[in-house]
All heavy atoms as atom14 arrays in JSON, in Angstrom:
{
  "sequence": "GGGSAGPNAEGLAGLPADDRLVALFEAVAERREARFRYH",
  "atom14_mask": [
    [1, 1, 1, 1, 0, 0, 0, 0, 0, 0, 0, 0, 0, 0],
    [1, 1, 1, 1, 0, 0, 0, 0, 0, 0, 0, 0, 0, 0],
    [1, 1, 1, 1, 0, 0, 0, 0, 0, 0, 0, 0, 0, 0],
    [1, 1, 1, 1, 1, 1, 0, 0, 0, 0, 0, 0, 0, 0],
    [1, 1, 1, 1, 1, 0, 0, 0, 0, 0, 0, 0, 0, 0],
    [1, 1, 1, 1, 0, 0, 0, 0, 0, 0, 0, 0, 0, 0],
    [1, 1, 1, 1, 1, 1, 1, 0, 0, 0, 0, 0, 0, 0],
    [1, 1, 1, 1, 1, 1, 1, 1, 0, 0, 0, 0, 0, 0],
    [1, 1, 1, 1, 1, 0, 0, 0, 0, 0, 0, 0, 0, 0],
    [1, 1, 1, 1, 1, 1, 1, 1, 1, 0, 0, 0, 0, 0],
    [1, 1, 1, 1, 0, 0, 0, 0, 0, 0, 0, 0, 0, 0],
    [1, 1, 1, 1, 1, 1, 1, 1, 0, 0, 0, 0, 0, 0],
    [1, 1, 1, 1, 1, 0, 0, 0, 0, 0, 0, 0, 0, 0],
    [1, 1, 1, 1, 0, 0, 0, 0, 0, 0, 0, 0, 0, 0],
    [1, 1, 1, 1, 1, 1, 1, 1, 0, 0, 0, 0, 0, 0],
    [1, 1, 1, 1, 1, 1, 1, 0, 0, 0, 0, 0, 0, 0],
    [1, 1, 1, 1, 1, 0, 0, 0, 0, 0, 0, 0, 0, 0],
    [1, 1, 1, 1, 1, 1, 1, 1, 0, 0, 0, 0, 0, 0],
    [1, 1, 1, 1, 1, 1, 1, 1, 0, 0, 0, 0, 0, 0],
    [1, 1, 1, 1, 1, 1, 1, 1, 1, 1, 1, 0, 0, 0],
    [1, 1, 1, 1, 1, 1, 1, 1, 0, 0, 0, 0, 0, 0],
    [1, 1, 1, 1, 1, 1, 1, 0, 0, 0, 0, 0, 0, 0],
    [1, 1, 1, 1, 1, 0, 0, 0, 0, 0, 0, 0, 0, 0],
    [1, 1, 1, 1, 1, 1, 1, 1, 0, 0, 0, 0, 0, 0],
    [1, 1, 1, 1, 1, 1, 1, 1, 1, 1, 1, 0, 0, 0],
    [1, 1, 1, 1, 1, 1, 1, 1, 1, 0, 0, 0, 0, 0],
    [1, 1, 1, 1, 1, 0, 0, 0, 0, 0, 0, 0, 0, 0],
    [1, 1, 1, 1, 1, 1, 1, 0, 0, 0, 0, 0, 0, 0],
    [1, 1, 1, 1, 1, 0, 0, 0, 0, 0, 0, 0, 0, 0],
    [1, 1, 1, 1, 1, 1, 1, 1, 1, 0, 0, 0, 0, 0],
    [1, 1, 1, 1, 1, 1, 1, 1, 1, 1, 1, 0, 0, 0],
    [1, 1, 1, 1, 1, 1, 1, 1, 1, 1, 1, 0, 0, 0],
    [1, 1, 1, 1, 1, 1, 1, 1, 1, 0, 0, 0, 0, 0],
    [1, 1, 1, 1, 1, 0, 0, 0, 0, 0, 0, 0, 0, 0],
    [1, 1, 1, 1, 1, 1, 1, 1, 1, 1, 1, 0, 0, 0],
    [1, 1, 1, 1, 1, 1, 1, 1, 1, 1, 1, 0, 0, 0],
    [1, 1, 1, 1, 1, 1, 1, 1, 1, 1, 1, 0, 0, 0],
    [1, 1, 1, 1, 1, 1, 1, 1, 1, 1, 1, 1, 0, 0],
    [1, 1, 1, 1, 1, 1, 1, 1, 1, 1, 0, 0, 0, 0]
  ],
  "atom14_positions": [
    [[34.95, 289.1, 137.43], [34.28, 287.98, 136.94], [35.15, 287.11, 135.99], [34.61, 286.25, 135.25], [0.0, 0.0, 0.0], [0.0, 0.0, 0.0], [0.0, 0.0, 0.0], [0.0, 0.0, 0.0], [0.0, 0.0, 0.0], [0.0, 0.0, 0.0], [0.0, 0.0, 0.0], [0.0, 0.0, 0.0], [0.0, 0.0, 0.0], [0.0, 0.0, 0.0]],
    [[36.46, 287.25, 135.98], [37.37, 286.46, 135.12], [38.43, 285.88, 135.96], [38.4, 285.83, 137.2], [0.0, 0.0, 0.0], [0.0, 0.0, 0.0], [0.0, 0.0, 0.0], [0.0, 0.0, 0.0], [0.0, 0.0, 0.0], [0.0, 0.0, 0.0], [0.0, 0.0, 0.0], [0.0, 0.0, 0.0], [0.0, 0.0, 0.0], [0.0, 0.0, 0.0]],
    [[39.4, 285.34, 135.32], [40.62, 284.86, 136.04], [40.46, 283.33, 136.23], [40.51, 282.81, 137.35], [0.0, 0.0, 0.0], [0.0, 0.0, 0.0], [0.0, 0.0, 0.0], [0.0, 0.0, 0.0], [0.0, 0.0, 0.0], [0.0, 0.0, 0.0], [0.0, 0.0, 0.0], [0.0, 0.0, 0.0], [0.0, 0.0, 0.0], [0.0, 0.0, 0.0]],
    [[40.43, 282.54, 135.12], [40.26, 281.09, 135.27], [41.5, 280.38, 135.94], [41.34, 279.28, 136.33], [39.98, 280.47, 133.92], [41.02, 280.73, 133.03], [0.0, 0.0, 0.0], [0.0, 0.0, 0.0], [0.0, 0.0, 0.0], [0.0, 0.0, 0.0], [0.0, 0.0, 0.0], [0.0, 0.0, 0.0], [0.0, 0.0, 0.0], [0.0, 0.0, 0.0]],
    [[42.64, 281.05, 135.85], [43.86, 280.44, 136.36], [43.77, 280.29, 137.92], [44.54, 279.58, 138.49], [45.07, 281.17, 135.97], [0.0, 0.0, 0.0], [0.0, 0.0, 0.0], [0.0, 0.0, 0.0], [0.0, 0.0, 0.0], [0.0, 0.0, 0.0], [0.0, 0.0, 0.0], [0.0, 0.0, 0.0], [0.0, 0.0, 0.0], [0.0, 0.0, 0.0]],
    [[42.94, 281.02, 138.59], [42.9, 281.03, 139.99], [43.85, 282.05, 140.65], [44.85, 282.44, 140.09], [0.0, 0.0, 0.0], [0.0, 0.0, 0.0], [0.0, 0.0, 0.0], [0.0, 0.0, 0.0], [0.0, 0.0, 0.0], [0.0, 0.0, 0.0], [0.0, 0.0, 0.0], [0.0, 0.0, 0.0], [0.0, 0.0, 0.0], [0.0, 0.0, 0.0]],
    [[43.47, 282.56, 141.88], [44.17, 283.57, 142.46], [45.59, 283.22, 142.9], [46.42, 284.03, 143.12], [43.28, 283.98, 143.63], [42.55, 282.78, 144.05], [42.27, 282.11, 142.68], [0.0, 0.0, 0.0], [0.0, 0.0, 0.0], [0.0, 0.0, 0.0], [0.0, 0.0, 0.0], [0.0, 0.0, 0.0], [0.0, 0.0, 0.0], [0.0, 0.0, 0.0]],
    [[45.91, 281.89, 143.08], [47.21, 281.48, 143.54], [48.06, 280.81, 142.49], [49.08, 280.29, 142.83], [47.02, 280.56, 144.74], [46.27, 281.15, 145.92], [46.65, 282.24, 146.24], [45.33, 280.45, 146.49], [0.0, 0.0, 0.0], [0.0, 0.0, 0.0], [0.0, 0.0, 0.0], [0.0, 0.0, 0.0], [0.0, 0.0, 0.0], [0.0, 0.0, 0.0]],
    [[47.66, 280.99, 141.22], [48.4, 280.31, 140.15], [49.8, 281.13, 140.0], [49.77, 282.3, 140.03], [47.65, 280.42, 138.81], [0.0, 0.0, 0.0], [0.0, 0.0, 0.0], [0.0, 0.0, 0.0], [0.0, 0.0, 0.0], [0.0, 0.0, 0.0], [0.0, 0.0, 0.0], [0.0, 0.0, 0.0], [0.0, 0.0, 0.0], [0.0, 0.0, 0.0]],
    [[50.79, 280.4, 139.75], [52.13, 281.05, 139.48], [52.29, 281.35, 138.09], [51.85, 280.67, 137.17], [53.16, 280.04, 139.97], [53.27, 279.75, 141.43], [54.49, 278.98, 141.8], [55.3, 278.75, 140.93], [54.63, 278.62, 142.98], [0.0, 0.0, 0.0], [0.0, 0.0, 0.0], [0.0, 0.0, 0.0], [0.0, 0.0, 0.0], [0.0, 0.0, 0.0]],
    [[52.88, 282.55, 137.83], [53.06, 282.99, 136.46], [54.23, 282.27, 135.77], [55.02, 281.65, 136.49], [0.0, 0.0, 0.0], [0.0, 0.0, 0.0], [0.0, 0.0, 0.0], [0.0, 0.0, 0.0], [0.0, 0.0, 0.0], [0.0, 0.0, 0.0], [0.0, 0.0, 0.0], [0.0, 0.0, 0.0], [0.0, 0.0, 0.0], [0.0, 0.0, 0.0]],
    [[54.23, 282.24, 134.47], [55.26, 281.63, 133.73], [56.5, 282.48, 133.76], [57.61, 281.94, 133.57], [54.83, 281.49, 132.22], [53.57, 280.55, 132.03], [53.28, 280.62, 130.59], [53.85, 279.16, 132.52], [0.0, 0.0, 0.0], [0.0, 0.0, 0.0], [0.0, 0.0, 0.0], [0.0, 0.0, 0.0], [0.0, 0.0, 0.0], [0.0, 0.0, 0.0]],
    [[56.46, 283.74, 133.96], [57.56, 284.67, 133.99], [57.34, 285.77, 134.97], [56.15, 286.17, 135.21], [57.79, 285.31, 132.62], [0.0, 0.0, 0.0], [0.0, 0.0, 0.0], [0.0, 0.0, 0.0], [0.0, 0.0, 0.0], [0.0, 0.0, 0.0], [0.0, 0.0, 0.0], [0.0, 0.0, 0.0], [0.0, 0.0, 0.0], [0.0, 0.0, 0.0]],
    [[58.38, 286.16, 135.62], [58.23, 287.25, 136.68], [59.06, 288.43, 136.13], [60.13, 288.34, 135.68], [0.0, 0.0, 0.0], [0.0, 0.0, 0.0], [0.0, 0.0, 0.0], [0.0, 0.0, 0.0], [0.0, 0.0, 0.0], [0.0, 0.0, 0.0], [0.0, 0.0, 0.0], [0.0, 0.0, 0.0], [0.0, 0.0, 0.0], [0.0, 0.0, 0.0]],
    [[58.47, 289.7, 136.33], [59.15, 290.87, 135.98], [59.64, 291.52, 137.27], [58.94, 291.51, 138.3], [58.22, 291.84, 135.31], [57.62, 291.42, 134.03], [56.69, 292.48, 133.4], [58.74, 291.06, 132.97], [0.0, 0.0, 0.0], [0.0, 0.0, 0.0], [0.0, 0.0, 0.0], [0.0, 0.0, 0.0], [0.0, 0.0, 0.0], [0.0, 0.0, 0.0]],
    [[60.87, 292.04, 137.31], [61.43, 292.66, 138.46], [60.62, 293.87, 138.89], [60.23, 294.63, 138.0], [62.8, 293.0, 138.19], [62.81, 293.14, 136.63], [61.79, 292.15, 136.14], [0.0, 0.0, 0.0], [0.0, 0.0, 0.0], [0.0, 0.0, 0.0], [0.0, 0.0, 0.0], [0.0, 0.0, 0.0], [0.0, 0.0, 0.0], [0.0, 0.0, 0.0]],
    [[60.36, 294.04, 140.18], [59.71, 295.25, 140.79], [60.72, 296.15, 141.33], [61.7, 295.75, 141.87], [58.6, 294.86, 141.71], [0.0, 0.0, 0.0], [0.0, 0.0, 0.0], [0.0, 0.0, 0.0], [0.0, 0.0, 0.0], [0.0, 0.0, 0.0], [0.0, 0.0, 0.0], [0.0, 0.0, 0.0], [0.0, 0.0, 0.0], [0.0, 0.0, 0.0]],
    [[60.44, 297.45, 141.2], [61.36, 298.45, 141.75], [60.53, 299.66, 142.17], [59.64, 300.11, 141.44], [62.32, 298.86, 140.56], [63.5, 299.8, 141.09], [63.14, 300.75, 141.73], [64.65, 299.4, 140.8], [0.0, 0.0, 0.0], [0.0, 0.0, 0.0], [0.0, 0.0, 0.0], [0.0, 0.0, 0.0], [0.0, 0.0, 0.0], [0.0, 0.0, 0.0]],
    [[60.85, 300.18, 143.37], [60.11, 301.27, 143.93], [60.08, 302.5, 142.96], [59.15, 303.32, 142.84], [60.64, 301.72, 145.23], [60.34, 300.74, 146.36], [59.38, 299.88, 146.13], [60.93, 300.76, 147.46], [0.0, 0.0, 0.0], [0.0, 0.0, 0.0], [0.0, 0.0, 0.0], [0.0, 0.0, 0.0], [0.0, 0.0, 0.0], [0.0, 0.0, 0.0]],
    [[61.18, 302.65, 142.2], [61.29, 303.81, 141.28], [60.24, 303.71, 140.14], [59.89, 304.63, 139.51], [62.7, 303.88, 140.72], [63.64, 304.44, 141.86], [65.08, 304.15, 141.44], [65.39, 302.65, 141.5], [66.6, 302.16, 141.68], [67.63, 302.94, 141.78], [66.85, 300.85, 141.71], [0.0, 0.0, 0.0], [0.0, 0.0, 0.0], [0.0, 0.0, 0.0]],
    [[59.81, 302.41, 139.91], [58.79, 302.26, 138.83], [57.52, 302.9, 139.13], [56.8, 303.41, 138.15], [58.56, 300.75, 138.59], [59.69, 299.95, 137.88], [59.3, 298.45, 137.87], [59.91, 300.46, 136.5], [0.0, 0.0, 0.0], [0.0, 0.0, 0.0], [0.0, 0.0, 0.0], [0.0, 0.0, 0.0], [0.0, 0.0, 0.0], [0.0, 0.0, 0.0]],
    [[57.17, 302.99, 140.37], [55.86, 303.7, 140.72], [55.91, 305.09, 140.26], [54.93, 305.51, 139.56], [55.72, 303.56, 142.26], [54.39, 304.34, 142.66], [55.66, 302.16, 142.78], [0.0, 0.0, 0.0], [0.0, 0.0, 0.0], [0.0, 0.0, 0.0], [0.0, 0.0, 0.0], [0.0, 0.0, 0.0], [0.0, 0.0, 0.0], [0.0, 0.0, 0.0]],
    [[56.98, 305.84, 140.64], [57.07, 307.22, 140.16], [57.16, 307.38, 138.67], [56.59, 308.23, 138.09], [58.21, 307.9, 140.85], [0.0, 0.0, 0.0], [0.0, 0.0, 0.0], [0.0, 0.0, 0.0], [0.0, 0.0, 0.0], [0.0, 0.0, 0.0], [0.0, 0.0, 0.0], [0.0, 0.0, 0.0], [0.0, 0.0, 0.0], [0.0, 0.0, 0.0]],
    [[57.93, 306.45, 138.02], [58.15, 306.57, 136.6], [56.9, 306.17, 135.73], [56.58, 306.83, 134.79], [59.33, 305.62, 136.11], [60.7, 306.14, 136.61], [61.74, 305.1, 136.34], [61.0, 307.48, 136.01], [0.0, 0.0, 0.0], [0.0, 0.0, 0.0], [0.0, 0.0, 0.0], [0.0, 0.0, 0.0], [0.0, 0.0, 0.0], [0.0, 0.0, 0.0]],
    [[56.2, 305.11, 136.21], [54.92, 304.87, 135.56], [53.96, 306.01, 135.61], [53.3, 306.34, 134.66], [54.26, 303.64, 136.18], [54.62, 302.29, 135.59], [55.36, 301.34, 136.26], [54.27, 302.05, 134.27], [55.77, 300.15, 135.65], [54.63, 300.81, 133.69], [55.38, 299.93, 134.44], [0.0, 0.0, 0.0], [0.0, 0.0, 0.0], [0.0, 0.0, 0.0]],
    [[53.85, 306.66, 136.8], [52.98, 307.81, 136.87], [53.48, 308.9, 136.01], [52.73, 309.6, 135.29], [53.0, 308.27, 138.42], [52.19, 309.49, 138.52], [52.34, 310.1, 139.96], [53.43, 310.34, 140.49], [51.27, 310.23, 140.71], [0.0, 0.0, 0.0], [0.0, 0.0, 0.0], [0.0, 0.0, 0.0], [0.0, 0.0, 0.0], [0.0, 0.0, 0.0]],
    [[54.77, 309.16, 135.91], [55.35, 310.23, 135.1], [55.05, 309.99, 133.67], [54.72, 310.92, 132.94], [56.86, 310.34, 135.37], [0.0, 0.0, 0.0], [0.0, 0.0, 0.0], [0.0, 0.0, 0.0], [0.0, 0.0, 0.0], [0.0, 0.0, 0.0], [0.0, 0.0, 0.0], [0.0, 0.0, 0.0], [0.0, 0.0, 0.0], [0.0, 0.0, 0.0]],
    [[55.16, 308.69, 133.17], [54.89, 308.43, 131.76], [53.41, 308.62, 131.47], [53.06, 309.25, 130.41], [55.35, 306.95, 131.38], [54.84, 306.61, 130.0], [56.88, 306.87, 131.49], [0.0, 0.0, 0.0], [0.0, 0.0, 0.0], [0.0, 0.0, 0.0], [0.0, 0.0, 0.0], [0.0, 0.0, 0.0], [0.0, 0.0, 0.0], [0.0, 0.0, 0.0]],
    [[52.56, 308.08, 132.31], [51.11, 308.07, 132.12], [50.57, 309.54, 132.15], [49.67, 309.86, 131.4], [50.42, 307.23, 133.13], [0.0, 0.0, 0.0], [0.0, 0.0, 0.0], [0.0, 0.0, 0.0], [0.0, 0.0, 0.0], [0.0, 0.0, 0.0], [0.0, 0.0, 0.0], [0.0, 0.0, 0.0], [0.0, 0.0, 0.0], [0.0, 0.0, 0.0]],
    [[51.13, 310.4, 133.06], [50.47, 311.67, 133.28], [51.44, 312.86, 132.68], [51.11, 313.99, 132.82], [50.32, 311.93, 134.73], [49.31, 310.87, 135.37], [49.04, 311.23, 136.83], [49.6, 312.18, 137.37], [48.35, 310.36, 137.46], [0.0, 0.0, 0.0], [0.0, 0.0, 0.0], [0.0, 0.0, 0.0], [0.0, 0.0, 0.0], [0.0, 0.0, 0.0]],
    [[52.43, 312.42, 131.89], [53.32, 313.35, 131.26], [53.88, 314.38, 132.28], [53.87, 315.59, 132.06], [52.62, 314.11, 130.12], [52.24, 313.27, 129.03], [51.52, 313.92, 127.84], [50.19, 314.33, 128.22], [49.82, 315.57, 128.3], [50.65, 316.61, 128.0], [48.57, 315.86, 128.59], [0.0, 0.0, 0.0], [0.0, 0.0, 0.0], [0.0, 0.0, 0.0]],
    [[54.48, 313.81, 133.34], [55.19, 314.58, 134.46], [56.67, 314.6, 134.14], [57.2, 313.55, 133.78], [54.91, 313.97, 135.79], [53.44, 314.03, 136.26], [53.33, 313.29, 137.55], [51.99, 313.21, 138.06], [51.49, 313.98, 138.97], [52.25, 314.98, 139.47], [50.27, 313.92, 139.38], [0.0, 0.0, 0.0], [0.0, 0.0, 0.0], [0.0, 0.0, 0.0]],
    [[57.3, 315.78, 134.28], [58.72, 315.83, 134.15], [59.32, 315.01, 135.35], [58.85, 315.05, 136.46], [59.15, 317.26, 134.29], [60.65, 317.5, 133.98], [60.99, 318.97, 134.12], [61.15, 319.49, 135.24], [60.96, 319.67, 133.05], [0.0, 0.0, 0.0], [0.0, 0.0, 0.0], [0.0, 0.0, 0.0], [0.0, 0.0, 0.0], [0.0, 0.0, 0.0]],
    [[60.41, 314.24, 135.09], [61.1, 313.44, 136.09], [62.54, 313.88, 136.33], [63.16, 314.24, 135.37], [60.98, 311.93, 135.69], [0.0, 0.0, 0.0], [0.0, 0.0, 0.0], [0.0, 0.0, 0.0], [0.0, 0.0, 0.0], [0.0, 0.0, 0.0], [0.0, 0.0, 0.0], [0.0, 0.0, 0.0], [0.0, 0.0, 0.0], [0.0, 0.0, 0.0]],
    [[62.93, 313.77, 137.57], [64.33, 314.14, 137.85], [64.93, 313.0, 138.76], [64.33, 312.48, 139.68], [64.34, 315.43, 138.67], [63.91, 316.66, 137.89], [63.76, 317.88, 138.79], [62.65, 317.82, 139.7], [61.36, 317.99, 139.39], [61.01, 318.41, 138.16], [60.48, 317.8, 140.33], [0.0, 0.0, 0.0], [0.0, 0.0, 0.0], [0.0, 0.0, 0.0]],
    [[66.14, 312.69, 138.35], [66.83, 311.62, 139.13], [68.38, 311.79, 138.79], [68.81, 312.54, 137.95], [66.41, 310.23, 138.77], [66.35, 309.96, 137.24], [67.5, 309.59, 136.53], [65.06, 310.1, 136.54], [67.43, 309.35, 135.16], [65.05, 309.91, 135.21], [66.2, 309.49, 134.52], [0.0, 0.0, 0.0], [0.0, 0.0, 0.0], [0.0, 0.0, 0.0]],
    [[69.21, 311.02, 139.54], [70.61, 311.0, 139.35], [71.06, 309.69, 138.61], [70.67, 308.66, 139.1], [71.26, 311.13, 140.73], [72.84, 311.41, 140.54], [73.47, 312.02, 141.77], [74.85, 312.38, 141.64], [75.33, 313.43, 141.1], [74.38, 314.31, 140.61], [76.56, 313.72, 141.02], [0.0, 0.0, 0.0], [0.0, 0.0, 0.0], [0.0, 0.0, 0.0]],
    [[71.85, 309.87, 137.61], [72.24, 308.65, 136.72], [73.66, 308.85, 136.29], [74.0, 309.89, 135.73], [71.28, 308.53, 135.6], [71.33, 307.31, 134.82], [70.54, 306.17, 135.28], [72.09, 307.16, 133.68], [70.56, 305.02, 134.56], [72.04, 305.95, 132.93], [71.31, 304.89, 133.42], [71.33, 303.7, 132.69], [0.0, 0.0, 0.0], [0.0, 0.0, 0.0]],
    [[74.5, 307.8, 136.61], [75.91, 307.87, 136.31], [76.48, 309.18, 136.82], [77.25, 309.91, 136.17], [76.1, 307.78, 134.78], [75.86, 306.39, 134.26], [76.45, 305.22, 134.83], [75.16, 305.99, 133.21], [76.06, 304.22, 134.11], [75.26, 304.62, 133.14], [0.0, 0.0, 0.0], [0.0, 0.0, 0.0], [0.0, 0.0, 0.0], [0.0, 0.0, 0.0]]
  ]
}
């Protein structure tokens, strides 16, 4: 019942999306241990 800007309005700023964010958001929200390779 909200959203006065309309469904096709462009945002003022875009944040990059990354497939790894899906797993990391879940890990942060649900306090899951995460494993990955870095440097």
